Amino acid sequence: MSMKSNTLLAIIVVASWQASLLAQGKWKCGKKDPAAKMVVDIGEHQYDAWAVSEPAADGSVLVGGNTHDSGWQPIFWNVDSIGNFVPSYPGIPPGANAAHITDMNDWGMITVWTSGADAGWYLMPGGAYQQLPFADSTGFAEGLNNFANIVGGTDFANGWGGALWLFDGSGYPAPTQLDSFAPFDITDDGVMVGNIYNAETERLEAARAWLDGSSNLQIEYMGVLPGETYSDAEAISRNGEWVIGSSGNRAYVWSATTGMLPLGTLGGLESRALGVNDFGQVVGWSHIKKGYFSQTAFLWESGKMYDLNKLAQTGSSPHLVFATNINNAGHIVGF
């Protein structure tokens, strides 16, 4: 598999029960193994991280995650290029007793899942929590793009289904129904990924979907890995070229050129891909002992899976279990 990047300076930001920031040295994709050189704590305990922005002009990144010290609630870290960070807490929606970030875009807008209130809420920087308009009384938001378009699900008149909320500059009209397609992520170009039942193969399959010029839903089935009976799609790269997810117990990466490729494991029976960037670099987790549930965070690129704990040389630092997202500068978040 060819990679488009040249030399990257990668910083890994890991929010954990004892959060850390880890920086890699410069390396050329596909030519030599990445070599880590720095670990910096960015928190104390009871944190996880799920989203990372592209770097700002000054090299800083915004990390979105959650704290569960005193009930689940979102947290942001603004992390500069040398590892200094400032946390901030946006609170939770009115009527909720807990909230959890489901996605964040590059300018800091988030979607959240809530407990104790209807689930589909969003928050724009400097504003207050707003609830999405549902077809019925319930719904949820899974992902969003830099144009503030949101995908998720709600209960329509003919039953539960996938939903697309298109931002009109001031808010959201009623959602567009996506039938039985269940979306999880959306690019700035409006390409969505998720899963749908394929009547021809009689199985649940990962799929790409979009609205054509007449606002009709178009579906592209992505198939399954050999020997598996189903697949789902977790995320799509910003440029729309790479899709990641799982098929059976195995993580995969998909492109129009390669089709669905298994990523393998780090010695165990199961792996999950959770994030991908425009260069086809994938992060997630893998079991590391056959027959056991010990697991570790991984970075996969150019056909090889790396244990992030070995790249990070974390020593006495916390064991990195999940890598949840990666941006085009190589910043990785997880816990």
C-alpha atoms as a PDB file:
ATOM      1  CA  MET A   1       0.000   0.000   0.000  1.00  0.00           C
ATOM      2  CA  SER A   2       1.501   3.342  -0.969  1.00  0.00           C
ATOM      3  CA  MET A   3       1.552   6.261   1.456  1.00  0.00           C
ATOM      4  CA  LYS A   4       1.317   9.891   0.333  1.00  0.00           C
ATOM      5  CA  SER A   5       3.098  11.532   3.268  1.00  0.00           C
ATOM      6  CA  ASN A   6       6.762  12.453   3.420  1.00  0.00           C
ATOM      7  CA  THR A   7       8.322  13.192   6.825  1.00  0.00           C
ATOM      8  CA  LEU A   8       5.953  13.681   9.762  1.00  0.00           C
ATOM      9  CA  LEU A   9       6.579  15.092  13.218  1.00  0.00           C
ATOM     10  CA  ALA A  10       4.039  13.102  15.204  1.00  0.00           C
ATOM     11  CA  ILE A  11       2.812  13.877  18.688  1.00  0.00           C
ATOM     12  CA  ILE A  12       0.725  11.297  20.472  1.00  0.00           C
ATOM     13  CA  VAL A  13      -1.680  12.735  23.035  1.00  0.00           C
ATOM     14  CA  VAL A  14      -3.116  10.051  25.286  1.00  0.00           C
ATOM     15  CA  ALA A  15      -5.771  10.834  27.876  1.00  0.00           C
ATOM     16  CA  SER A  16      -6.029   8.090  30.439  1.00  0.00           C
ATOM     17  CA  TRP A  17      -6.615   7.343  34.087  1.00  0.00           C
ATOM     18  CA  GLN A  18      -3.230   9.063  34.249  1.00  0.00           C
ATOM     19  CA  ALA A  19      -3.173  11.079  31.040  1.00  0.00           C
ATOM     20  CA  SER A  20      -0.028  11.418  28.951  1.00  0.00           C
ATOM     21  CA  LEU A  21       1.422  13.240  25.985  1.00  0.00           C
ATOM     22  CA  LEU A  22       3.935  11.336  23.904  1.00  0.00           C
ATOM     23  CA  ALA A  23       5.957  12.692  20.976  1.00  0.00           C
ATOM     24  CA  GLN A  24       7.569  10.689  18.205  1.00  0.00           C
ATOM     25  CA  GLY A  25      10.712  11.597  16.350  1.00  0.00           C
ATOM     26  CA  LYS A  26      10.684  12.387  12.642  1.00  0.00           C
ATOM     27  CA  TRP A  27      10.248   9.397  10.387  1.00  0.00           C
ATOM     28  CA  LYS A  28       9.439   8.656   6.792  1.00  0.00           C
ATOM     29  CA  CYS A  29       6.293   6.572   6.260  1.00  0.00           C
ATOM     30  CA  GLY A  30       7.007   3.096   4.976  1.00  0.00           C
ATOM     31  CA  LYS A  31      10.800   3.483   5.243  1.00  0.00           C
ATOM     32  CA  LYS A  32      11.591   2.864   8.908  1.00  0.00           C
ATOM     33  CA  ASP A  33       9.781   2.235  12.127  1.00  0.00           C
ATOM     34  CA  PRO A  34       8.546   5.295  14.028  1.00  0.00           C
ATOM     35  CA  ALA A  35      10.663   6.087  17.089  1.00  0.00           C
ATOM     36  CA  ALA A  36       9.102   7.793  20.119  1.00  0.00           C
ATOM     37  CA  LYS A  37      11.076  10.206  22.280  1.00  0.00           C
ATOM     38  CA  MET A  38       8.861  11.935  24.859  1.00  0.00           C
ATOM     39  CA  VAL A  39       6.050  11.243  27.315  1.00  0.00           C
ATOM     40  CA  VAL A  40       4.326  14.098  29.177  1.00  0.00           C
ATOM     41  CA  ASP A  41       1.353  13.680  31.542  1.00  0.00           C
ATOM     42  CA  ILE A  42      -1.715  15.775  30.599  1.00  0.00           C
ATOM     43  CA  GLY A  43      -3.985  14.787  33.492  1.00  0.00           C
ATOM     44  CA  GLU A  44      -4.320  12.832  36.707  1.00  0.00           C
ATOM     45  CA  HIS A  45      -6.987  10.118  36.454  1.00  0.00           C
ATOM     46  CA  GLN A  46     -10.465   9.233  35.220  1.00  0.00           C
ATOM     47  CA  TYR A  47     -10.091  10.696  31.721  1.00  0.00           C
ATOM     48  CA  ASP A  48     -10.474   9.356  28.206  1.00  0.00           C
ATOM     49  CA  ALA A  49      -9.889  11.076  24.842  1.00  0.00           C
ATOM     50  CA  TRP A  50     -11.806  10.476  21.626  1.00  0.00           C
ATOM     51  CA  ALA A  51     -11.129  13.307  19.170  1.00  0.00           C
ATOM     52  CA  VAL A  52      -8.227  15.480  18.022  1.00  0.00           C
ATOM     53  CA  SER A  53      -8.267  18.498  15.709  1.00  0.00           C
ATOM     54  CA  GLU A  54      -5.837  19.270  12.935  1.00  0.00           C
ATOM     55  CA  PRO A  55      -3.035  21.529  14.244  1.00  0.00           C
ATOM     56  CA  ALA A  56      -3.570  25.291  14.368  1.00  0.00           C
ATOM     57  CA  ALA A  57      -1.035  27.698  12.855  1.00  0.00           C
ATOM     58  CA  ASP A  58       0.926  27.720  16.137  1.00  0.00           C
ATOM     59  CA  GLY A  59       1.081  23.918  16.224  1.00  0.00           C
ATOM     60  CA  SER A  60      -1.462  23.490  19.022  1.00  0.00           C
ATOM     61  CA  VAL A  61      -4.225  20.896  18.874  1.00  0.00           C
ATOM     62  CA  LEU A  62      -7.591  20.602  20.577  1.00  0.00           C
ATOM     63  CA  VAL A  63      -8.351  17.249  22.181  1.00  0.00           C
ATOM     64  CA  GLY A  64     -11.899  16.272  23.114  1.00  0.00           C
ATOM     65  CA  GLY A  65     -12.702  13.633  25.687  1.00  0.00           C
ATOM     66  CA  ASN A  66     -14.524  12.888  28.900  1.00  0.00           C
ATOM     67  CA  THR A  67     -13.918  12.892  32.611  1.00  0.00           C
ATOM     68  CA  HIS A  68     -15.774  10.617  35.015  1.00  0.00           C
ATOM     69  CA  ASP A  69     -14.355  11.837  38.308  1.00  0.00           C
ATOM     70  CA  SER A  70     -17.826  12.927  39.479  1.00  0.00           C
ATOM     71  CA  GLY A  71     -20.110  11.624  36.737  1.00  0.00           C
ATOM     72  CA  TRP A  72     -19.482  11.647  33.005  1.00  0.00           C
ATOM     73  CA  GLN A  73     -18.923  15.048  31.431  1.00  0.00           C
ATOM     74  CA  PRO A  74     -16.965  16.388  28.439  1.00  0.00           C
ATOM     75  CA  ILE A  75     -13.505  17.906  28.731  1.00  0.00           C
ATOM     76  CA  PHE A  76     -11.246  19.744  26.281  1.00  0.00           C
ATOM     77  CA  TRP A  77      -7.481  19.961  26.364  1.00  0.00           C
ATOM     78  CA  ASN A  78      -5.731  22.684  24.352  1.00  0.00           C
ATOM     79  CA  VAL A  79      -2.256  21.215  23.903  1.00  0.00           C
ATOM     80  CA  ASP A  80       0.609  23.292  22.476  1.00  0.00           C
ATOM     81  CA  SER A  81       3.460  22.013  20.317  1.00  0.00           C
ATOM     82  CA  ILE A  82       5.756  21.266  23.274  1.00  0.00           C
ATOM     83  CA  GLY A  83       3.194  19.577  25.506  1.00  0.00           C
ATOM     84  CA  ASN A  84       1.838  22.411  27.659  1.00  0.00           C
ATOM     85  CA  PHE A  85      -1.911  22.077  28.047  1.00  0.00           C
ATOM     86  CA  VAL A  86      -4.967  23.854  29.414  1.00  0.00           C
ATOM     87  CA  PRO A  87      -8.108  21.823  30.256  1.00  0.00           C
ATOM     88  CA  SER A  88     -11.624  23.267  30.099  1.00  0.00           C
ATOM     89  CA  TYR A  89     -14.999  21.853  31.096  1.00  0.00           C
ATOM     90  CA  PRO A  90     -18.104  22.789  29.062  1.00  0.00           C
ATOM     91  CA  GLY A  91     -20.536  21.157  31.495  1.00  0.00           C
ATOM     92  CA  ILE A  92     -23.524  19.015  30.493  1.00  0.00           C
ATOM     93  CA  PRO A  93     -26.864  19.744  28.776  1.00  0.00           C
ATOM     94  CA  PRO A  94     -29.813  20.927  30.882  1.00  0.00           C
ATOM     95  CA  GLY A  95     -31.793  18.082  32.396  1.00  0.00           C
ATOM     96  CA  ALA A  96     -28.955  15.584  31.963  1.00  0.00           C
ATOM     97  CA  ASN A  97     -27.109  13.863  34.776  1.00  0.00           C
ATOM     98  CA  ALA A  98     -24.182  12.796  32.538  1.00  0.00           C
ATOM     99  CA  ALA A  99     -22.824  13.495  29.061  1.00  0.00           C
ATOM    100  CA  HIS A 100     -20.227  11.892  26.805  1.00  0.00           C
ATOM    101  CA  ILE A 101     -18.584  13.320  23.666  1.00  0.00           C
ATOM    102  CA  THR A 102     -19.385  11.290  20.543  1.00  0.00           C
ATOM    103  CA  ASP A 103     -17.471  13.506  18.071  1.00  0.00           C
ATOM    104  CA  MET A 104     -15.652  16.835  17.685  1.00  0.00           C
ATOM    105  CA  ASN A 105     -14.719  18.817  14.561  1.00  0.00           C
ATOM    106  CA  ASP A 106     -11.603  20.895  13.925  1.00  0.00           C
ATOM    107  CA  TRP A 107     -13.045  24.128  15.345  1.00  0.00           C
ATOM    108  CA  GLY A 108     -14.243  22.586  18.593  1.00  0.00           C
ATOM    109  CA  MET A 109     -17.933  21.869  17.989  1.00  0.00           C
ATOM    110  CA  ILE A 110     -19.002  18.667  19.742  1.00  0.00           C
ATOM    111  CA  THR A 111     -21.887  16.225  19.701  1.00  0.00           C
ATOM    112  CA  VAL A 112     -22.729  14.415  22.928  1.00  0.00           C
ATOM    113  CA  TRP A 113     -24.679  11.469  24.237  1.00  0.00           C
ATOM    114  CA  THR A 114     -26.542  12.141  27.483  1.00  0.00           C
ATOM    115  CA  SER A 115     -28.110  10.245  30.345  1.00  0.00           C
ATOM    116  CA  GLY A 116     -31.211  11.688  31.976  1.00  0.00           C
ATOM    117  CA  ALA A 117     -32.212  13.782  28.944  1.00  0.00           C
ATOM    118  CA  ASP A 118     -32.937  13.079  25.281  1.00  0.00           C
ATOM    119  CA  ALA A 119     -29.641  12.038  23.793  1.00  0.00           C
ATOM    120  CA  GLY A 120     -29.048  14.215  20.712  1.00  0.00           C
ATOM    121  CA  TRP A 121     -27.261  17.412  21.759  1.00  0.00           C
ATOM    122  CA  TYR A 122     -24.547  19.597  20.270  1.00  0.00           C
ATOM    123  CA  LEU A 123     -22.373  22.451  21.521  1.00  0.00           C
ATOM    124  CA  MET A 124     -20.654  25.140  19.447  1.00  0.00           C
ATOM    125  CA  PRO A 125     -17.694  27.087  20.891  1.00  0.00           C
ATOM    126  CA  GLY A 126     -18.849  30.005  23.010  1.00  0.00           C
ATOM    127  CA  GLY A 127     -22.480  28.883  22.907  1.00  0.00           C
ATOM    128  CA  ALA A 128     -24.872  26.825  24.984  1.00  0.00           C
ATOM    129  CA  TYR A 129     -25.952  23.224  24.491  1.00  0.00           C
ATOM    130  CA  GLN A 130     -28.687  22.863  21.869  1.00  0.00           C
ATOM    131  CA  GLN A 131     -30.848  19.820  21.173  1.00  0.00           C
ATOM    132  CA  LEU A 132     -31.230  18.446  17.674  1.00  0.00           C
ATOM    133  CA  PRO A 133     -34.740  18.374  16.218  1.00  0.00           C
ATOM    134  CA  PHE A 134     -35.900  14.751  16.174  1.00  0.00           C
ATOM    135  CA  ALA A 135     -38.476  13.190  13.897  1.00  0.00           C
ATOM    136  CA  ASP A 136     -39.985  11.859  17.128  1.00  0.00           C
ATOM    137  CA  SER A 137     -38.994  12.509  20.735  1.00  0.00           C
ATOM    138  CA  THR A 138     -35.723  10.568  20.827  1.00  0.00           C
ATOM    139  CA  GLY A 139     -32.514  10.272  18.869  1.00  0.00           C
ATOM    140  CA  PHE A 140     -28.753  10.447  19.053  1.00  0.00           C
ATOM    141  CA  ALA A 141     -25.813  12.126  17.304  1.00  0.00           C
ATOM    142  CA  GLU A 142     -22.821  10.006  16.257  1.00  0.00           C
ATOM    143  CA  GLY A 143     -20.578  12.184  14.089  1.00  0.00           C
ATOM    144  CA  LEU A 144     -20.155  15.611  12.525  1.00  0.00           C
ATOM    145  CA  ASN A 145     -18.022  17.446   9.971  1.00  0.00           C
ATOM    146  CA  ASN A 146     -16.448  20.897   9.728  1.00  0.00           C
ATOM    147  CA  PHE A 147     -19.619  22.299   8.136  1.00  0.00           C
ATOM    148  CA  ALA A 148     -21.552  21.299  11.288  1.00  0.00           C
ATOM    149  CA  ASN A 149     -23.528  18.586   9.473  1.00  0.00           C
ATOM    150  CA  ILE A 150     -24.396  15.763  11.882  1.00  0.00           C
ATOM    151  CA  VAL A 151     -25.240  12.075  11.443  1.00  0.00           C
ATOM    152  CA  GLY A 152     -27.006   9.787  13.889  1.00  0.00           C
ATOM    153  CA  GLY A 153     -30.408   8.202  14.307  1.00  0.00           C
ATOM    154  CA  THR A 154     -33.971   8.986  15.336  1.00  0.00           C
ATOM    155  CA  ASP A 155     -37.430   7.455  15.416  1.00  0.00           C
ATOM    156  CA  PHE A 156     -39.269   8.395  12.211  1.00  0.00           C
ATOM    157  CA  ALA A 157     -42.962   7.835  11.526  1.00  0.00           C
ATOM    158  CA  ASN A 158     -42.162   4.525   9.804  1.00  0.00           C
ATOM    159  CA  GLY A 159     -39.705   3.361  12.444  1.00  0.00           C
ATOM    160  CA  TRP A 160     -36.186   3.926  13.691  1.00  0.00           C
ATOM    161  CA  GLY A 161     -33.656   4.949  11.051  1.00  0.00           C
ATOM    162  CA  GLY A 162     -30.442   6.755  10.232  1.00  0.00           C
ATOM    163  CA  ALA A 163     -30.614  10.545  10.167  1.00  0.00           C
ATOM    164  CA  LEU A 164     -28.672  13.439   8.644  1.00  0.00           C
ATOM    165  CA  TRP A 165     -28.995  16.943  10.070  1.00  0.00           C
ATOM    166  CA  LEU A 166     -27.806  19.642   7.617  1.00  0.00           C
ATOM    167  CA  PHE A 167     -26.764  22.929   9.230  1.00  0.00           C
ATOM    168  CA  ASP A 168     -28.454  25.912   7.548  1.00  0.00           C
ATOM    169  CA  GLY A 169     -26.262  28.647   9.026  1.00  0.00           C
ATOM    170  CA  SER A 170     -28.325  29.230  12.138  1.00  0.00           C
ATOM    171  CA  GLY A 171     -29.612  25.821  13.176  1.00  0.00           C
ATOM    172  CA  TYR A 172     -31.073  22.551  11.964  1.00  0.00           C
ATOM    173  CA  PRO A 173     -34.331  21.813  10.164  1.00  0.00           C
ATOM    174  CA  ALA A 174     -35.951  18.378  10.443  1.00  0.00           C
ATOM    175  CA  PRO A 175     -33.510  15.529   9.742  1.00  0.00           C
ATOM    176  CA  THR A 176     -33.153  13.773   6.405  1.00  0.00           C
ATOM    177  CA  GLN A 177     -34.126  10.105   6.738  1.00  0.00           C
ATOM    178  CA  LEU A 178     -31.434   7.614   5.684  1.00  0.00           C
ATOM    179  CA  ASP A 179     -33.740   4.595   5.834  1.00  0.00           C
ATOM    180  CA  SER A 180     -32.018   1.569   7.370  1.00  0.00           C
ATOM    181  CA  PHE A 181     -28.496   2.936   6.839  1.00  0.00           C
ATOM    182  CA  ALA A 182     -26.920   3.546  10.263  1.00  0.00           C
ATOM    183  CA  PRO A 183     -24.235   6.261   9.901  1.00  0.00           C
ATOM    184  CA  PHE A 184     -21.269   6.758  12.230  1.00  0.00           C
ATOM    185  CA  ASP A 185     -19.115   9.380  10.500  1.00  0.00           C
ATOM    186  CA  ILE A 186     -19.291  12.013   7.737  1.00  0.00           C
ATOM    187  CA  THR A 187     -16.689  13.886   5.666  1.00  0.00           C
ATOM    188  CA  ASP A 188     -16.798  17.562   4.715  1.00  0.00           C
ATOM    189  CA  ASP A 189     -17.876  16.408   1.229  1.00  0.00           C
ATOM    190  CA  GLY A 190     -20.906  14.669   2.735  1.00  0.00           C
ATOM    191  CA  VAL A 191     -19.751  11.057   2.355  1.00  0.00           C
ATOM    192  CA  MET A 192     -21.037   8.989   5.265  1.00  0.00           C
ATOM    193  CA  VAL A 193     -19.938   5.583   6.554  1.00  0.00           C
ATOM    194  CA  GLY A 194     -21.831   3.089   8.676  1.00  0.00           C
ATOM    195  CA  ASN A 195     -23.647  -0.192   8.111  1.00  0.00           C
ATOM    196  CA  ILE A 196     -26.773  -1.467   6.401  1.00  0.00           C
ATOM    197  CA  TYR A 197     -28.406  -4.822   5.695  1.00  0.00           C
ATOM    198  CA  ASN A 198     -27.533  -6.039   2.185  1.00  0.00           C
ATOM    199  CA  ALA A 199     -30.586  -7.930   0.890  1.00  0.00           C
ATOM    200  CA  GLU A 200     -28.569  -9.483  -1.938  1.00  0.00           C
ATOM    201  CA  THR A 201     -25.943 -11.079   0.328  1.00  0.00           C
ATOM    202  CA  GLU A 202     -28.338 -11.361   3.300  1.00  0.00           C
ATOM    203  CA  ARG A 203     -25.895  -9.898   5.810  1.00  0.00           C
ATOM    204  CA  LEU A 204     -25.075  -6.657   7.625  1.00  0.00           C
ATOM    205  CA  GLU A 205     -22.309  -4.830   5.761  1.00  0.00           C
ATOM    206  CA  ALA A 206     -20.193  -1.741   6.112  1.00  0.00           C
ATOM    207  CA  ALA A 207     -21.131   0.860   3.529  1.00  0.00           C
ATOM    208  CA  ARG A 208     -20.398   4.319   2.199  1.00  0.00           C
ATOM    209  CA  ALA A 209     -23.407   6.548   1.509  1.00  0.00           C
ATOM    210  CA  TRP A 210     -24.184  10.027   0.176  1.00  0.00           C
ATOM    211  CA  LEU A 211     -27.047  12.128  -1.150  1.00  0.00           C
ATOM    212  CA  ASP A 212     -27.019  12.668  -4.922  1.00  0.00           C
ATOM    213  CA  GLY A 213     -28.009  15.879  -6.697  1.00  0.00           C
ATOM    214  CA  SER A 214     -31.669  15.013  -6.238  1.00  0.00           C
ATOM    215  CA  SER A 215     -31.179  14.297  -2.514  1.00  0.00           C
ATOM    216  CA  ASN A 216     -31.607  10.550  -3.086  1.00  0.00           C
ATOM    217  CA  LEU A 217     -29.576   8.272  -0.849  1.00  0.00           C
ATOM    218  CA  GLN A 218     -26.841   6.344  -2.694  1.00  0.00           C
ATOM    219  CA  ILE A 219     -25.271   3.273  -1.077  1.00  0.00           C
ATOM    220  CA  GLU A 220     -21.947   1.576  -1.828  1.00  0.00           C
ATOM    221  CA  TYR A 221     -21.592  -1.779  -0.050  1.00  0.00           C
ATOM    222  CA  MET A 222     -18.068  -2.562   1.104  1.00  0.00           C
ATOM    223  CA  GLY A 223     -18.349  -6.313   1.681  1.00  0.00           C
ATOM    224  CA  VAL A 224     -16.780  -8.378   4.470  1.00  0.00           C
ATOM    225  CA  LEU A 225     -13.397  -9.944   5.134  1.00  0.00           C
ATOM    226  CA  PRO A 226     -12.942 -13.529   3.880  1.00  0.00           C
ATOM    227  CA  GLY A 227     -14.513 -16.022   6.281  1.00  0.00           C
ATOM    228  CA  GLU A 228     -16.607 -13.398   8.100  1.00  0.00           C
ATOM    229  CA  THR A 229     -20.373 -12.906   8.020  1.00  0.00           C
ATOM    230  CA  TYR A 230     -20.727  -9.182   8.744  1.00  0.00           C
ATOM    231  CA  SER A 231     -18.848  -5.892   8.842  1.00  0.00           C
ATOM    232  CA  ASP A 232     -19.306  -2.359  10.108  1.00  0.00           C
ATOM    233  CA  ALA A 233     -17.611   0.974   9.410  1.00  0.00           C
ATOM    234  CA  GLU A 234     -16.370   3.105  12.298  1.00  0.00           C
ATOM    235  CA  ALA A 235     -14.756   6.131  10.627  1.00  0.00           C
ATOM    236  CA  ILE A 236     -13.674   7.690   7.332  1.00  0.00           C
ATOM    237  CA  SER A 237     -10.613   9.840   6.649  1.00  0.00           C
ATOM    238  CA  ARG A 238     -11.085  13.549   6.050  1.00  0.00           C
ATOM    239  CA  ASN A 239     -10.315  13.147   2.327  1.00  0.00           C
ATOM    240  CA  GLY A 240     -12.772  10.261   2.023  1.00  0.00           C
ATOM    241  CA  GLU A 241     -10.173   7.812   0.683  1.00  0.00           C
ATOM    242  CA  TRP A 242      -9.902   5.489   3.690  1.00  0.00           C
ATOM    243  CA  VAL A 243     -12.564   3.733   5.764  1.00  0.00           C
ATOM    244  CA  ILE A 244     -11.895   1.674   8.886  1.00  0.00           C
ATOM    245  CA  GLY A 245     -13.966  -0.658  10.998  1.00  0.00           C
ATOM    246  CA  SER A 246     -14.257  -4.317  11.875  1.00  0.00           C
ATOM    247  CA  SER A 247     -15.444  -7.480  10.172  1.00  0.00           C
ATOM    248  CA  GLY A 248     -16.096 -10.253  12.626  1.00  0.00           C
ATOM    249  CA  ASN A 249     -13.341  -9.926  15.238  1.00  0.00           C
ATOM    250  CA  ARG A 250     -10.845  -8.350  12.866  1.00  0.00           C
ATOM    251  CA  ALA A 251      -9.995  -4.738  12.149  1.00  0.00           C
ATOM    252  CA  TYR A 252      -9.792  -3.618   8.524  1.00  0.00           C
ATOM    253  CA  VAL A 253      -8.917  -0.634   6.360  1.00  0.00           C
ATOM    254  CA  TRP A 254     -10.707  -0.053   3.044  1.00  0.00           C
ATOM    255  CA  SER A 255      -9.976   2.052  -0.013  1.00  0.00           C
ATOM    256  CA  ALA A 256     -11.426   2.052  -3.512  1.00  0.00           C
ATOM    257  CA  THR A 257      -8.067   0.783  -4.792  1.00  0.00           C
ATOM    258  CA  THR A 258      -7.347  -1.978  -2.280  1.00  0.00           C
ATOM    259  CA  GLY A 259     -10.793  -3.001  -1.131  1.00  0.00           C
ATOM    260  CA  MET A 260     -11.096  -4.313   2.436  1.00  0.00           C
ATOM    261  CA  LEU A 261      -7.725  -5.287   3.956  1.00  0.00           C
ATOM    262  CA  PRO A 262      -7.346  -7.080   7.324  1.00  0.00           C
ATOM    263  CA  LEU A 263      -4.966  -5.344   9.731  1.00  0.00           C
ATOM    264  CA  GLY A 264      -4.129  -8.456  11.742  1.00  0.00           C
ATOM    265  CA  THR A 265      -3.393  -8.440  15.485  1.00  0.00           C
ATOM    266  CA  LEU A 266      -0.421  -8.154  17.822  1.00  0.00           C
ATOM    267  CA  GLY A 267      -0.639 -11.835  18.772  1.00  0.00           C
ATOM    268  CA  GLY A 268      -4.201 -12.117  20.064  1.00  0.00           C
ATOM    269  CA  LEU A 269      -7.513 -13.140  18.571  1.00  0.00           C
ATOM    270  CA  GLU A 270      -9.191  -9.759  18.084  1.00  0.00           C
ATOM    271  CA  SER A 271      -8.512  -6.199  16.945  1.00  0.00           C
ATOM    272  CA  ARG A 272     -10.583  -3.058  16.397  1.00  0.00           C
ATOM    273  CA  ALA A 273      -9.794  -0.031  14.237  1.00  0.00           C
ATOM    274  CA  LEU A 274     -11.087   3.273  15.627  1.00  0.00           C
ATOM    275  CA  GLY A 275      -9.416   6.121  13.707  1.00  0.00           C
ATOM    276  CA  VAL A 276      -7.744   6.837  10.352  1.00  0.00           C
ATOM    277  CA  ASN A 277      -6.096   9.838   8.680  1.00  0.00           C
ATOM    278  CA  ASP A 278      -5.656  10.931   5.060  1.00  0.00           C
ATOM    279  CA  PHE A 279      -2.442   8.876   4.720  1.00  0.00           C
ATOM    280  CA  GLY A 280      -4.129   5.598   5.599  1.00  0.00           C
ATOM    281  CA  GLN A 281      -2.537   5.404   9.060  1.00  0.00           C
ATOM    282  CA  VAL A 282      -4.899   3.540  11.387  1.00  0.00           C
ATOM    283  CA  VAL A 283      -5.159   3.433  15.184  1.00  0.00           C
ATOM    284  CA  GLY A 284      -7.155   1.174  17.466  1.00  0.00           C
ATOM    285  CA  TRP A 285      -6.603  -1.717  19.844  1.00  0.00           C
ATOM    286  CA  SER A 286      -5.526  -5.341  19.583  1.00  0.00           C
ATOM    287  CA  HIS A 287      -5.409  -8.343  21.878  1.00  0.00           C
ATOM    288  CA  ILE A 288      -1.810  -9.310  22.489  1.00  0.00           C
ATOM    289  CA  LYS A 289      -2.082 -12.809  23.983  1.00  0.00           C
ATOM    290  CA  LYS A 290      -3.814 -15.638  22.192  1.00  0.00           C
ATOM    291  CA  GLY A 291      -6.803 -16.781  24.187  1.00  0.00           C
ATOM    292  CA  TYR A 292      -6.578 -13.899  26.672  1.00  0.00           C
ATOM    293  CA  PHE A 293      -8.132 -10.451  26.798  1.00  0.00           C
ATOM    294  CA  SER A 294      -4.940  -8.480  27.403  1.00  0.00           C
ATOM    295  CA  GLN A 295      -4.923  -5.654  24.897  1.00  0.00           C
ATOM    296  CA  THR A 296      -2.856  -2.733  23.711  1.00  0.00           C
ATOM    297  CA  ALA A 297      -3.211   0.381  21.565  1.00  0.00           C
ATOM    298  CA  PHE A 298      -1.787   0.131  18.049  1.00  0.00           C
ATOM    299  CA  LEU A 299      -0.679   2.215  15.102  1.00  0.00           C
ATOM    300  CA  TRP A 300      -0.921   0.531  11.672  1.00  0.00           C
ATOM    301  CA  GLU A 301       0.678   1.861   8.498  1.00  0.00           C
ATOM    302  CA  SER A 302       2.127   0.470   5.270  1.00  0.00           C
ATOM    303  CA  GLY A 303       0.970  -3.048   6.116  1.00  0.00           C
ATOM    304  CA  LYS A 304       2.502  -3.241   9.612  1.00  0.00           C
ATOM    305  CA  MET A 305       0.883  -2.988  13.058  1.00  0.00           C
ATOM    306  CA  TYR A 306       2.911  -1.378  15.875  1.00  0.00           C
ATOM    307  CA  ASP A 307       2.335  -1.628  19.630  1.00  0.00           C
ATOM    308  CA  LEU A 308       2.083   2.016  20.761  1.00  0.00           C
ATOM    309  CA  ASN A 309       3.457   1.117  24.168  1.00  0.00           C
ATOM    310  CA  LYS A 310       6.679  -0.039  22.531  1.00  0.00           C
ATOM    311  CA  LEU A 311       6.819   2.996  20.255  1.00  0.00           C
ATOM    312  CA  ALA A 312       6.132   5.283  23.206  1.00  0.00           C
ATOM    313  CA  GLN A 313       8.682   3.544  25.443  1.00  0.00           C
ATOM    314  CA  THR A 314       6.292   4.415  28.252  1.00  0.00           C
ATOM    315  CA  GLY A 315       8.270   2.671  30.987  1.00  0.00           C
ATOM    316  CA  SER A 316       6.478   3.290  34.280  1.00  0.00           C
ATOM    317  CA  SER A 317       3.755   5.339  32.558  1.00  0.00           C
ATOM    318  CA  PRO A 318       0.262   3.835  32.167  1.00  0.00           C
ATOM    319  CA  HIS A 319      -0.273   1.038  29.698  1.00  0.00           C
ATOM    320  CA  LEU A 320      -1.955   2.452  26.580  1.00  0.00           C
ATOM    321  CA  VAL A 321      -5.033   0.322  25.901  1.00  0.00           C
ATOM    322  CA  PHE A 322      -7.059   2.249  23.301  1.00  0.00           C
ATOM    323  CA  ALA A 323      -5.934   4.564  20.494  1.00  0.00           C
ATOM    324  CA  THR A 324      -9.119   6.265  19.328  1.00  0.00           C
ATOM    325  CA  ASN A 325      -8.184   8.864  16.703  1.00  0.00           C
ATOM    326  CA  ILE A 326      -5.335  10.242  14.573  1.00  0.00           C
ATOM    327  CA  ASN A 327      -5.007  13.471  12.596  1.00  0.00           C
ATOM    328  CA  ASN A 328      -2.937  14.254   9.513  1.00  0.00           C
ATOM    329  CA  ALA A 329      -0.008  15.520  11.594  1.00  0.00           C
ATOM    330  CA  GLY A 330       0.227  12.177  13.407  1.00  0.00           C
ATOM    331  CA  HIS A 331      -1.328  13.286  16.703  1.00  0.00           C
ATOM    332  CA  ILE A 332      -2.986  10.236  18.264  1.00  0.00           C
ATOM    333  CA  VAL A 333      -5.474  10.282  21.123  1.00  0.00           C
ATOM    334  CA  GLY A 334      -6.698   7.470  23.290  1.00  0.00           C
ATOM    335  CA  PHE A 335      -6.511   6.127  26.818  1.00  0.00           C
END
